[in-house]
Structure formats: C-alpha cells, structure tokens
Amino acid sequence: MSRPVYKKNIAYMVLRPYVDHFTRNSYSKTIVRGQENIPEDGAVILAPNHCNALMDALVILRAFKDGTVFGARADIFRRPSVAKIMNFLKILPMVRMRDGLHNVIKNKKTTEDIIEVLDNGMRFCMFCEGTHRTMRSLLPVGKGIFRIAIAAAERFGDSKPVYVVPVGLEYGDYYRYRSTSIISYGKPINVTEFLKTSEGLNETDIYRKLREILKERISGLITYIKDDRYYESKWTLTKAASASSTADPEELLESNQRNIGRLESLFAGSPESAAVLSEKAESFDKRRTDAKVSYFSFGHESPGRETAFRTLAAAAGLPYFIWCAIMCLPMWAIAEYLCRYRIKDKAFHNTARFGTRLVLSPIMAAIWAAVFFCTLPWQYATLLLLITLGSFSRFYEYKNFARILISDYRLLADKKLQDQYKELKEL
C-alpha cells in the first residue's frame, strides 16, 4: 500500500459528508436495522449480499462515520493512477479465481493489508458472492472472506476475536432512482470461537460450514428465493401477494419473506402443481407487462377513490414538477443518456445517476445562483435557490408518482387483469 488505508485522511474526511449526502438523496427512504449486532470487542468483517452494483458499497459506507475499507476486483487497479484513487477511497484489490491461479497468490499481500486494517480498529467489507446480481437470491458464498477471517483469527489469537457480520441489502427497486433501501445487520459469526470448537474438522469442512452459516444468516435478512428454478414465477406471485402502494419498506420486506416461505412450499409439491402455478404467474405477468401496469397499482381497498385523490395531488404538484424539470434538465439529460446509450448493465444505472448528480450539482448550483442573484432581489433569489437544490430528487419522485398514477388508470380499465390478480391472491 502506498499509504495505509486505515490512516485518517483530511481530504477523505471532508469529502465523505458530501458523498453521503448524495447517497442519502438517491433513496426516498433508508432504514438501518440490527446495528446492535455489530460487535465492539473485536475485528469486524462485514459480509453483504451484492445486488445493486456500486450503490451497495455506498449505502454501507454511509452507515459508519469513521469509514470502512472495501475489497474490489483486482483488475480495476491495473493502472497506477486508478490504484492511487482506489487507495484514497479505502478500497483494496481482491484477486478472484477467474483471474487465474498465478494471480491469486497476490491476495497474500492484500490479506496482510486487511489484517493490518482490522488490527487498527477499522472494519473491512467484502461482498462474499464475488459479483453483483440484481435478483432476490444469493450466488454461492466464496471462500475468500473466510480465508481472510481465519488468517486474522490465527494472527490475533485470544487478544482480539474476529467476527464476520452478515449484512442484508434490500431495495424497493434495483433500477429506479429514489426507491427505498434497507440495511440489516444479522447475528455475527465469531470465527475465532468457531475455530476453537471445530478442531476435529478438516479445512474443507470448516470452510463449508462457515459458508453455510453465512448464507443462511444473509438469506434471513432479505427477500430470498432459494434457487433459479421458477424464479420469475415465485417473484411474480410474491409481489402480487404483497402488493400495496402504501406499504412501509420494512413491512413489505417482512410480507415478502412470509409469502416466499409459503410459495416455496407450494412449488416444492408435485411437478404438475408447480407447472400450473408457474403458468398462472407467467400469464398474469405477461398481461400486466403488456398493459404497462405497475405492481404498485394493485392492493388498494378503494382503487377508484384513491386514484382520484392521487390525480388531484398530481395536478397540484404539476407546476413544481415543471420547475424541477427545467432546473435539473442538464443533469437529467446526461444521466439518462449514460443509462440508455453508454451503460449496458442496468444494475449500474442508479450509480450513473448518483455519479452525475455528485459531479454536476455544485456546478449547476453555482450557475443558478449567479442567474438568480443577478436578476432578482436577494430574498427571492435565496428562496428560488433553496427550492432548486432539491429539484433532481423531486423530479424523479414526481415522475415515479405520475407513472404509477397512469398505471392506476390502466388497471381500472382492465377488468381481466383485475380478475387475474384476485385469482393469484387466493393461491
């Protein structure tokens, strides 16, 4: 390391609140649960699921004011200039098996760096699946996180226990800006204690058991679909069963978990019954997609009355929406250009919106401040500037609100889709 990443850095400390501000504003609501599960008496390795590209790291980073060191795939560090930036951001290179066995040896140096980080009281975060996937499931948990934990436990002995803390990341939507996010910390795995009580096990069994425990604990923190078979059908039925536009994110997560458990039992029955369930789910989802109806439009007690109220709210907010659209047009246009034409992996779309806002917000604020204060009395200029600063978030919120409102009208006009939904709810 050119500079130990655990060392305090003035520039990093100054930039952190700025980055955290835009991370927070990427979501309409962020909930943090289970912080009492993070041990204070030892070395802590965070092990989150990886489902939303860079945003996963950003929401975890924001949760700890004193910083967190992350691991990232080693190929990003090939250029010395990029490696310096990654070091500044407290990110260490992790060589994966797919990079070739001759390169995996380099992880020995990284492991030493991580142990030094842990020894100096800072957390290390590693996405234990190795790569991201925008699905309500888990890829196989790799050995890498436990190689580091075991090496640290052997180094520290009884002086400092080593914990791996499972972290569940749950998003209301992977692709839409200003959705919701939940960070859940689960019961930690005391690796030091585990090794003491597993002296009769060989190395393979130790890794297998630790990986099984971690997977089980992460899966209990998220909406978890066990395998990819009938995945889309299970997720469709879960969303239909939990559908409600007014649901609190935590309540929605708990509802999803209950419904997934029930559906897994149904799909575990005979192959014939599973095929019938899948066919009903696919038929409903095809009609819903063709009709361009959102899941948020289902589940209303009085759909007609609630749609009327939302129509009035949309009409009342339209002038402000137009103002926000004008004020954030350059940022919005660049962000959406990147998402539509430059970034193929949709999982990175919210990262692109975040990054665009992070870079351009001070520039746009300076431009509009100059315009307002040069043309208006300072009182009006100040008011307009304060209203304008949140225009990017408000624009996306109103856009999502309008999308769901249009969806509500489409659903009200589609009796067959309503009947299909009622049939699925009774399953």
Protein backbone atom coordinates (compact mmCIF):
# COMPACT_ATOMS: atom_id res chain seq x y z
CA MET A 1 0.00 0.00 0.00
CA SER A 2 1.31 3.47 -0.89
CA ARG A 3 -0.45 4.75 2.23
CA PRO A 4 -2.18 2.64 4.91
CA VAL A 5 -5.90 2.91 4.11
CA TYR A 6 -6.86 2.92 7.77
CA LYS A 7 -4.95 6.17 8.36
CA LYS A 8 -7.03 9.33 8.73
CA ASN A 9 -7.04 11.46 5.60
CA ILE A 10 -8.22 15.07 5.76
CA ALA A 11 -9.40 15.15 2.14
CA TYR A 12 -11.33 11.90 2.64
CA MET A 13 -12.94 13.22 5.83
CA VAL A 14 -14.00 16.42 4.06
CA LEU A 15 -15.46 14.62 1.04
CA ARG A 16 -17.27 11.91 3.00
CA PRO A 17 -20.25 14.08 4.14
CA TYR A 18 -20.65 15.33 0.57
CA VAL A 19 -20.75 11.79 -0.86
CA ASP A 20 -23.01 10.58 1.96
CA HIS A 21 -25.44 13.42 1.24
CA PHE A 22 -25.94 12.28 -2.34
CA THR A 23 -26.12 8.63 -1.32
CA ARG A 24 -28.91 9.51 1.10
CA ASN A 25 -30.68 11.51 -1.60
CA SER A 26 -30.53 8.58 -4.01
CA TYR A 27 -33.31 6.95 -1.95
CA SER A 28 -36.64 8.25 -0.74
CA LYS A 29 -36.15 6.28 2.47
CA THR A 30 -33.21 4.37 4.00
CA ILE A 31 -33.71 2.09 7.01
CA VAL A 32 -30.85 0.63 9.07
CA ARG A 33 -31.65 -2.35 11.28
CA GLY A 34 -29.67 -4.56 13.66
CA GLN A 35 -26.78 -2.20 14.44
CA GLU A 36 -26.66 -3.73 17.91
CA ASN A 37 -25.37 -6.91 16.21
CA ILE A 38 -22.08 -5.24 15.24
CA PRO A 39 -19.51 -6.32 17.86
CA GLU A 40 -17.40 -3.71 19.63
CA ASP A 41 -14.90 -6.11 21.22
CA GLY A 42 -13.04 -7.39 18.18
CA ALA A 43 -12.19 -7.23 14.49
CA VAL A 44 -15.25 -6.85 12.25
CA ILE A 45 -15.61 -8.06 8.66
CA LEU A 46 -18.90 -7.06 7.01
CA ALA A 47 -20.36 -9.59 4.55
CA PRO A 48 -23.23 -8.11 2.49
CA ASN A 49 -25.13 -9.60 -0.40
CA HIS A 50 -24.30 -7.87 -3.69
CA CYS A 51 -27.33 -6.93 -5.78
CA ASN A 52 -27.04 -3.29 -6.85
CA ALA A 53 -23.52 -2.55 -8.12
CA LEU A 54 -21.69 0.41 -6.54
CA MET A 55 -24.78 1.58 -4.62
CA ASP A 56 -24.32 -1.42 -2.28
CA ALA A 57 -20.97 -0.08 -1.12
CA LEU A 58 -22.25 3.49 -0.84
CA VAL A 59 -25.19 2.67 1.44
CA ILE A 60 -22.89 0.65 3.73
CA LEU A 61 -20.21 3.38 3.69
CA ARG A 62 -22.77 5.95 4.82
CA ALA A 63 -23.67 3.87 7.88
CA PHE A 64 -20.23 4.35 9.52
CA LYS A 65 -18.89 7.85 10.05
CA ASP A 66 -15.32 6.72 10.70
CA GLY A 67 -15.05 4.95 7.37
CA THR A 68 -14.96 1.38 6.10
CA VAL A 69 -12.33 -0.36 3.96
CA PHE A 70 -13.72 -2.29 0.99
CA GLY A 71 -12.47 -5.01 -1.29
CA ALA A 72 -12.91 -4.74 -5.07
CA ARG A 73 -11.88 -6.87 -8.02
CA ALA A 74 -8.17 -6.53 -8.72
CA ASP A 75 -8.36 -5.75 -12.46
CA ILE A 76 -9.61 -2.23 -11.61
CA PHE A 77 -6.19 -1.49 -10.06
CA ARG A 78 -4.08 -2.19 -13.15
CA ARG A 79 -3.38 1.47 -13.89
CA PRO A 80 -1.21 3.13 -11.22
CA SER A 81 -3.31 6.33 -11.33
CA VAL A 82 -6.50 4.35 -10.72
CA ALA A 83 -4.81 2.35 -7.97
CA LYS A 84 -3.93 5.61 -6.16
CA ILE A 85 -7.56 6.76 -6.37
CA MET A 86 -8.80 3.41 -5.06
CA ASN A 87 -6.32 3.61 -2.19
CA PHE A 88 -7.59 7.10 -1.35
CA LEU A 89 -11.14 5.71 -1.31
CA LYS A 90 -10.04 2.95 1.10
CA ILE A 91 -10.51 0.12 -1.41
CA LEU A 92 -8.14 -2.85 -1.64
CA PRO A 93 -7.64 -5.20 -4.64
CA MET A 94 -9.14 -8.71 -4.43
CA VAL A 95 -7.96 -11.27 -6.98
CA ARG A 96 -10.67 -13.78 -7.95
CA MET A 97 -10.16 -17.37 -9.05
CA ARG A 98 -11.33 -16.42 -12.55
CA ASP A 99 -8.27 -14.12 -12.79
CA GLY A 100 -6.04 -17.20 -12.84
CA LEU A 101 -4.23 -19.18 -10.15
CA HIS A 102 -0.94 -17.35 -10.79
CA ASN A 103 -2.65 -14.08 -9.81
CA VAL A 104 -4.43 -15.43 -6.73
CA ILE A 105 -1.03 -15.50 -4.98
CA LYS A 106 -1.22 -11.69 -4.91
CA ASN A 107 -4.07 -11.97 -2.40
CA LYS A 108 -1.47 -12.85 0.25
CA LYS A 109 -0.29 -9.22 0.21
CA THR A 110 -3.89 -7.95 0.32
CA THR A 111 -4.68 -10.29 3.22
CA GLU A 112 -1.77 -8.79 5.17
CA ASP A 113 -3.10 -5.32 4.43
CA ILE A 114 -6.60 -6.31 5.60
CA ILE A 115 -5.27 -7.82 8.82
CA GLU A 116 -3.45 -4.55 9.44
CA VAL A 117 -6.72 -2.66 8.85
CA LEU A 118 -8.55 -4.90 11.34
CA ASP A 119 -5.74 -4.64 13.86
CA ASN A 120 -6.10 -0.86 13.76
CA GLY A 121 -9.77 -0.97 14.65
CA MET A 122 -11.36 -0.35 11.25
CA ARG A 123 -13.99 -2.53 9.59
CA PHE A 124 -13.40 -4.38 6.35
CA CYS A 125 -16.29 -5.02 3.96
CA MET A 126 -16.22 -7.77 1.36
CA PHE A 127 -19.06 -8.81 -0.95
CA CYS A 128 -18.90 -12.53 -0.32
CA GLU A 129 -20.69 -13.55 -3.55
CA GLY A 130 -17.84 -12.11 -5.63
CA THR A 131 -20.04 -10.26 -8.12
CA HIS A 132 -23.38 -8.46 -8.22
CA ARG A 133 -26.66 -9.86 -9.49
CA THR A 134 -29.97 -7.97 -9.44
CA MET A 135 -32.05 -10.85 -8.11
CA ARG A 136 -33.74 -11.65 -4.79
CA SER A 137 -31.40 -14.55 -4.19
CA LEU A 138 -27.75 -15.32 -3.42
CA LEU A 139 -24.89 -16.55 -5.54
CA PRO A 140 -22.61 -19.12 -3.86
CA VAL A 141 -20.64 -17.65 -0.97
CA GLY A 142 -16.93 -17.75 -1.77
CA LYS A 143 -14.12 -18.94 0.49
CA GLY A 144 -12.23 -15.67 0.24
CA ILE A 145 -13.96 -13.88 3.10
CA PHE A 146 -13.24 -16.77 5.48
CA ARG A 147 -9.64 -17.13 4.31
CA ILE A 148 -9.17 -13.55 5.50
CA ALA A 149 -11.14 -14.10 8.72
CA ILE A 150 -9.23 -17.29 9.59
CA ALA A 151 -5.86 -15.69 8.82
CA ALA A 152 -6.78 -12.75 11.07
CA ALA A 153 -8.01 -15.09 13.83
CA GLU A 154 -4.75 -17.03 13.73
CA ARG A 155 -2.76 -13.80 13.85
CA PHE A 156 -4.70 -12.23 16.74
CA GLY A 157 -5.20 -15.39 18.80
CA ASP A 158 -7.10 -14.66 22.02
CA SER A 159 -6.17 -10.97 22.03
CA LYS A 160 -8.92 -9.96 19.60
CA PRO A 161 -11.85 -12.09 18.37
CA VAL A 162 -12.64 -11.93 14.65
CA TYR A 163 -16.26 -11.60 13.60
CA VAL A 164 -17.96 -11.91 10.21
CA VAL A 165 -21.20 -9.91 10.29
CA PRO A 166 -23.86 -10.90 7.73
CA VAL A 167 -25.46 -7.87 6.06
CA GLY A 168 -28.71 -7.95 4.09
CA LEU A 169 -29.26 -5.25 1.46
CA GLU A 170 -32.84 -4.87 0.25
CA TYR A 171 -34.08 -2.34 -2.31
CA GLY A 172 -37.60 -1.36 -3.29
CA ASP A 173 -36.41 -1.32 -6.90
CA TYR A 174 -32.98 -2.04 -8.33
CA TYR A 175 -33.32 0.26 -11.32
CA ARG A 176 -35.49 3.24 -10.35
CA TYR A 177 -33.90 6.28 -8.75
CA ARG A 178 -35.39 7.42 -5.41
CA SER A 179 -36.63 3.99 -4.43
CA THR A 180 -36.09 2.64 -0.88
CA SER A 181 -33.20 0.80 0.77
CA ILE A 182 -32.90 -1.34 3.90
CA ILE A 183 -29.60 -2.35 5.54
CA SER A 184 -29.98 -5.21 8.03
CA TYR A 185 -27.10 -6.45 10.21
CA GLY A 186 -27.51 -10.03 11.35
CA LYS A 187 -26.09 -12.13 14.16
CA PRO A 188 -22.27 -12.15 13.84
CA ILE A 189 -20.21 -15.28 13.29
CA ASN A 190 -17.41 -15.46 15.86
CA VAL A 191 -14.76 -17.07 13.66
CA THR A 192 -12.22 -17.25 16.49
CA GLU A 193 -14.64 -19.21 18.68
CA PHE A 194 -15.76 -21.37 15.75
CA LEU A 195 -12.19 -22.49 15.08
CA LYS A 196 -11.72 -23.44 18.73
CA THR A 197 -14.81 -25.66 18.70
CA SER A 198 -14.04 -27.21 15.28
CA GLU A 199 -10.66 -28.79 15.93
CA GLY A 200 -11.88 -32.17 14.69
CA LEU A 201 -12.88 -30.80 11.28
CA ASN A 202 -10.59 -30.68 8.30
CA GLU A 203 -10.05 -27.45 6.37
CA THR A 204 -12.63 -28.25 3.69
CA ASP A 205 -15.36 -28.91 6.28
CA ILE A 206 -14.50 -25.73 8.19
CA TYR A 207 -14.92 -23.59 5.09
CA ARG A 208 -18.08 -25.43 4.08
CA LYS A 209 -19.75 -24.95 7.46
CA LEU A 210 -18.78 -21.29 7.73
CA ARG A 211 -20.10 -20.60 4.23
CA GLU A 212 -23.37 -22.39 5.02
CA ILE A 213 -23.84 -20.37 8.22
CA LEU A 214 -23.16 -17.08 6.45
CA LYS A 215 -25.51 -17.86 3.57
CA GLU A 216 -28.28 -18.89 5.97
CA ARG A 217 -27.93 -15.69 8.00
CA ILE A 218 -27.83 -13.35 4.99
CA SER A 219 -30.83 -15.09 3.42
CA GLY A 220 -32.82 -14.42 6.60
CA LEU A 221 -32.24 -10.68 6.21
CA ILE A 222 -33.51 -10.24 2.63
CA THR A 223 -36.26 -11.37 0.31
CA TYR A 224 -34.68 -14.71 -0.56
CA ILE A 225 -35.70 -17.08 -3.35
CA LYS A 226 -33.77 -20.33 -2.88
CA ASP A 227 -32.95 -21.25 -6.46
CA ASP A 228 -33.36 -20.00 -10.01
CA ARG A 229 -35.90 -22.64 -11.00
CA TYR A 230 -39.28 -20.91 -11.31
CA TYR A 231 -37.58 -17.76 -10.01
CA GLU A 232 -39.63 -15.31 -12.08
CA SER A 233 -42.89 -17.07 -11.20
CA LYS A 234 -42.11 -17.06 -7.48
CA TRP A 235 -41.16 -13.39 -7.56
CA THR A 236 -44.30 -12.50 -9.54
CA LEU A 237 -46.53 -14.31 -7.03
CA THR A 238 -44.67 -12.72 -4.11
CA LYS A 239 -45.13 -9.21 -5.49
CA ALA A 240 -48.79 -9.90 -6.19
CA ALA A 241 -49.36 -11.18 -2.65
CA SER A 242 -47.54 -8.23 -1.06
CA ALA A 243 -48.78 -5.52 -3.42
CA SER A 244 -49.63 -2.25 -1.71
CA SER A 245 -48.55 1.24 -2.72
CA THR A 246 -48.66 2.45 0.89
CA ALA A 247 -46.60 -0.35 2.46
CA ASP A 248 -43.70 0.63 4.72
CA PRO A 249 -40.41 -0.82 3.34
CA GLU A 250 -39.89 -2.93 6.49
CA GLU A 251 -43.45 -4.23 6.40
CA LEU A 252 -43.07 -5.01 2.71
CA LEU A 253 -39.84 -6.94 3.36
CA GLU A 254 -41.50 -8.96 6.13
CA SER A 255 -44.52 -9.62 3.90
CA ASN A 256 -42.26 -10.76 1.07
CA GLN A 257 -40.41 -13.12 3.41
CA ARG A 258 -43.65 -14.69 4.65
CA ASN A 259 -45.04 -15.09 1.16
CA ILE A 260 -41.80 -16.51 -0.22
CA GLY A 261 -41.80 -19.16 2.53
CA ARG A 262 -45.37 -20.14 1.66
CA LEU A 263 -44.70 -20.20 -2.08
CA GLU A 264 -41.55 -22.29 -1.72
CA SER A 265 -43.71 -24.95 -0.05
CA LEU A 266 -46.25 -24.80 -2.88
CA PHE A 267 -43.58 -25.10 -5.57
CA ALA A 268 -41.96 -27.98 -3.66
CA GLY A 269 -45.09 -30.07 -4.29
CA SER A 270 -45.65 -32.19 -7.38
CA PRO A 271 -44.04 -31.07 -10.67
CA GLU A 272 -47.55 -30.78 -12.15
CA SER A 273 -48.79 -28.35 -9.49
CA ALA A 274 -45.58 -26.31 -9.74
CA ALA A 275 -46.03 -26.06 -13.51
CA VAL A 276 -49.64 -24.90 -13.09
CA LEU A 277 -48.58 -22.22 -10.58
CA SER A 278 -45.82 -21.07 -12.88
CA GLU A 279 -48.17 -20.89 -15.85
CA LYS A 280 -50.66 -18.73 -13.91
CA ALA A 281 -47.90 -16.41 -12.76
CA GLU A 282 -46.44 -16.08 -16.26
CA SER A 283 -49.88 -15.40 -17.77
CA PHE A 284 -50.60 -12.67 -15.22
CA ASP A 285 -47.18 -11.05 -15.57
CA LYS A 286 -47.36 -11.05 -19.37
CA ARG A 287 -50.74 -9.33 -19.35
CA ARG A 288 -49.58 -6.88 -16.68
CA THR A 289 -46.40 -6.05 -18.63
CA ASP A 290 -48.26 -5.68 -21.93
CA ALA A 291 -50.79 -3.38 -20.23
CA LYS A 292 -47.92 -1.39 -18.63
CA VAL A 293 -49.41 -1.73 -15.15
CA SER A 294 -47.16 -1.39 -12.09
CA TYR A 295 -47.40 -3.69 -9.06
CA PHE A 296 -47.89 -0.52 -7.01
CA SER A 297 -51.32 -0.15 -8.63
CA PHE A 298 -52.60 -3.35 -7.01
CA GLY A 299 -53.78 -3.86 -3.46
CA HIS A 300 -55.87 -0.70 -2.95
CA GLU A 301 -59.01 -1.02 -0.82
CA SER A 302 -60.85 1.68 -2.83
CA PRO A 303 -58.90 1.99 -6.11
CA GLY A 304 -61.25 4.49 -7.76
CA ARG A 305 -61.32 6.90 -4.83
CA GLU A 306 -57.58 6.62 -4.16
CA THR A 307 -56.81 7.22 -7.85
CA ALA A 308 -58.98 10.34 -7.76
CA PHE A 309 -57.08 11.69 -4.73
CA ARG A 310 -53.74 10.99 -6.38
CA THR A 311 -54.94 12.73 -9.54
CA LEU A 312 -55.66 15.88 -7.52
CA ALA A 313 -52.24 15.62 -5.87
CA ALA A 314 -50.57 15.25 -9.28
CA ALA A 315 -52.40 18.29 -10.62
CA ALA A 316 -51.43 20.36 -7.57
CA GLY A 317 -47.77 19.35 -7.88
CA LEU A 318 -47.52 19.81 -11.67
CA PRO A 319 -46.20 23.43 -11.62
CA TYR A 320 -43.42 22.45 -9.19
CA PHE A 321 -42.62 19.40 -11.32
CA ILE A 322 -42.24 21.60 -14.41
CA TRP A 323 -39.95 23.92 -12.47
CA CYS A 324 -37.83 20.98 -11.26
CA ALA A 325 -37.71 19.52 -14.78
CA ILE A 326 -36.31 22.78 -16.16
CA MET A 327 -33.81 23.26 -13.33
CA CYS A 328 -32.37 19.74 -13.45
CA LEU A 329 -32.64 19.21 -17.22
CA PRO A 330 -28.87 19.21 -17.92
CA MET A 331 -28.16 16.69 -15.14
CA TRP A 332 -31.16 14.52 -16.00
CA ALA A 333 -30.31 14.51 -19.73
CA ILE A 334 -26.69 13.45 -19.09
CA ALA A 335 -27.66 10.78 -16.55
CA GLU A 336 -30.33 9.27 -18.79
CA TYR A 337 -28.03 9.42 -21.84
CA LEU A 338 -25.47 7.39 -19.91
CA CYS A 339 -28.11 4.90 -18.79
CA ARG A 340 -29.68 4.47 -22.20
CA TYR A 341 -26.70 4.52 -24.53
CA ARG A 342 -23.45 4.02 -22.61
CA ILE A 343 -24.08 1.64 -19.71
CA LYS A 344 -25.36 -1.78 -20.75
CA ASP A 345 -25.70 -3.30 -17.27
CA LYS A 346 -28.90 -1.83 -15.79
CA ALA A 347 -27.59 -2.50 -12.29
CA PHE A 348 -25.23 0.47 -12.80
CA HIS A 349 -27.97 2.91 -13.86
CA ASN A 350 -28.57 4.31 -10.40
CA THR A 351 -24.81 4.50 -9.93
CA ALA A 352 -24.70 6.65 -13.08
CA ARG A 353 -27.45 8.92 -11.75
CA PHE A 354 -25.68 9.19 -8.42
CA GLY A 355 -22.34 9.98 -10.06
CA THR A 356 -23.85 12.56 -12.43
CA ARG A 357 -25.51 14.35 -9.56
CA LEU A 358 -22.38 14.16 -7.41
CA VAL A 359 -20.24 15.85 -10.09
CA LEU A 360 -22.69 18.33 -11.61
CA SER A 361 -24.69 19.52 -8.59
CA PRO A 362 -22.16 22.15 -7.42
CA ILE A 363 -21.73 23.39 -10.99
CA MET A 364 -25.48 23.70 -11.57
CA ALA A 365 -25.97 25.31 -8.15
CA ALA A 366 -23.32 27.93 -8.98
CA ILE A 367 -24.91 28.68 -12.37
CA TRP A 368 -28.43 29.07 -10.99
CA ALA A 369 -27.17 31.11 -8.02
CA ALA A 370 -25.49 33.53 -10.43
CA VAL A 371 -28.64 33.80 -12.55
CA PHE A 372 -30.99 34.30 -9.59
CA PHE A 373 -28.87 36.77 -7.63
CA CYS A 374 -28.10 38.82 -10.75
CA THR A 375 -31.74 39.16 -11.78
CA LEU A 376 -33.78 39.12 -8.55
CA PRO A 377 -33.76 40.67 -5.07
CA TRP A 378 -31.67 38.54 -2.72
CA GLN A 379 -34.73 37.31 -0.73
CA TYR A 380 -36.40 35.85 -3.85
CA ALA A 381 -33.09 34.60 -5.22
CA THR A 382 -32.35 32.75 -1.97
CA LEU A 383 -35.83 31.17 -1.92
CA LEU A 384 -35.60 30.04 -5.54
CA LEU A 385 -32.12 28.59 -5.00
CA LEU A 386 -33.28 26.56 -1.97
CA ILE A 387 -36.24 25.23 -3.98
CA THR A 388 -33.97 24.40 -6.90
CA LEU A 389 -31.32 22.49 -4.92
CA GLY A 390 -33.65 19.50 -4.44
CA SER A 391 -35.04 19.57 -7.98
CA PHE A 392 -33.26 16.39 -9.16
CA SER A 393 -34.83 14.27 -6.39
CA ARG A 394 -38.25 15.93 -6.70
CA PHE A 395 -38.23 15.43 -10.47
CA TYR A 396 -37.69 11.69 -10.17
CA GLU A 397 -40.22 11.38 -7.35
CA TYR A 398 -42.96 13.13 -9.34
CA LYS A 399 -42.01 11.11 -12.43
CA ASN A 400 -42.45 7.86 -10.47
CA PHE A 401 -45.69 9.18 -8.95
CA ALA A 402 -47.08 10.05 -12.39
CA ARG A 403 -46.01 6.68 -13.80
CA ILE A 404 -47.93 4.83 -11.08
CA LEU A 405 -50.96 7.13 -11.48
CA ILE A 406 -51.14 6.35 -15.21
CA SER A 407 -50.76 2.69 -14.29
CA ASP A 408 -53.70 3.02 -11.88
CA TYR A 409 -55.94 4.26 -14.68
CA ARG A 410 -54.84 1.41 -16.93
CA LEU A 411 -55.66 -1.13 -14.23
CA LEU A 412 -59.10 0.40 -13.60
CA ALA A 413 -59.87 -0.11 -17.29
CA ASP A 414 -58.62 -3.73 -17.41
CA LYS A 415 -61.19 -5.97 -15.73
CA LYS A 416 -59.50 -9.18 -16.86
CA LEU A 417 -56.21 -8.17 -15.26
CA GLN A 418 -58.04 -7.32 -12.03
CA ASP A 419 -59.65 -10.78 -12.05
CA GLN A 420 -56.28 -12.47 -12.66
CA TYR A 421 -54.81 -10.57 -9.74
CA LYS A 422 -57.63 -11.66 -7.42
CA GLU A 423 -57.09 -15.27 -8.51
CA LEU A 424 -53.36 -15.06 -7.70
CA LYS A 425 -54.07 -13.51 -4.30
CA GLU A 426 -56.17 -16.56 -3.40
CA LEU A 427 -53.37 -19.05 -4.11
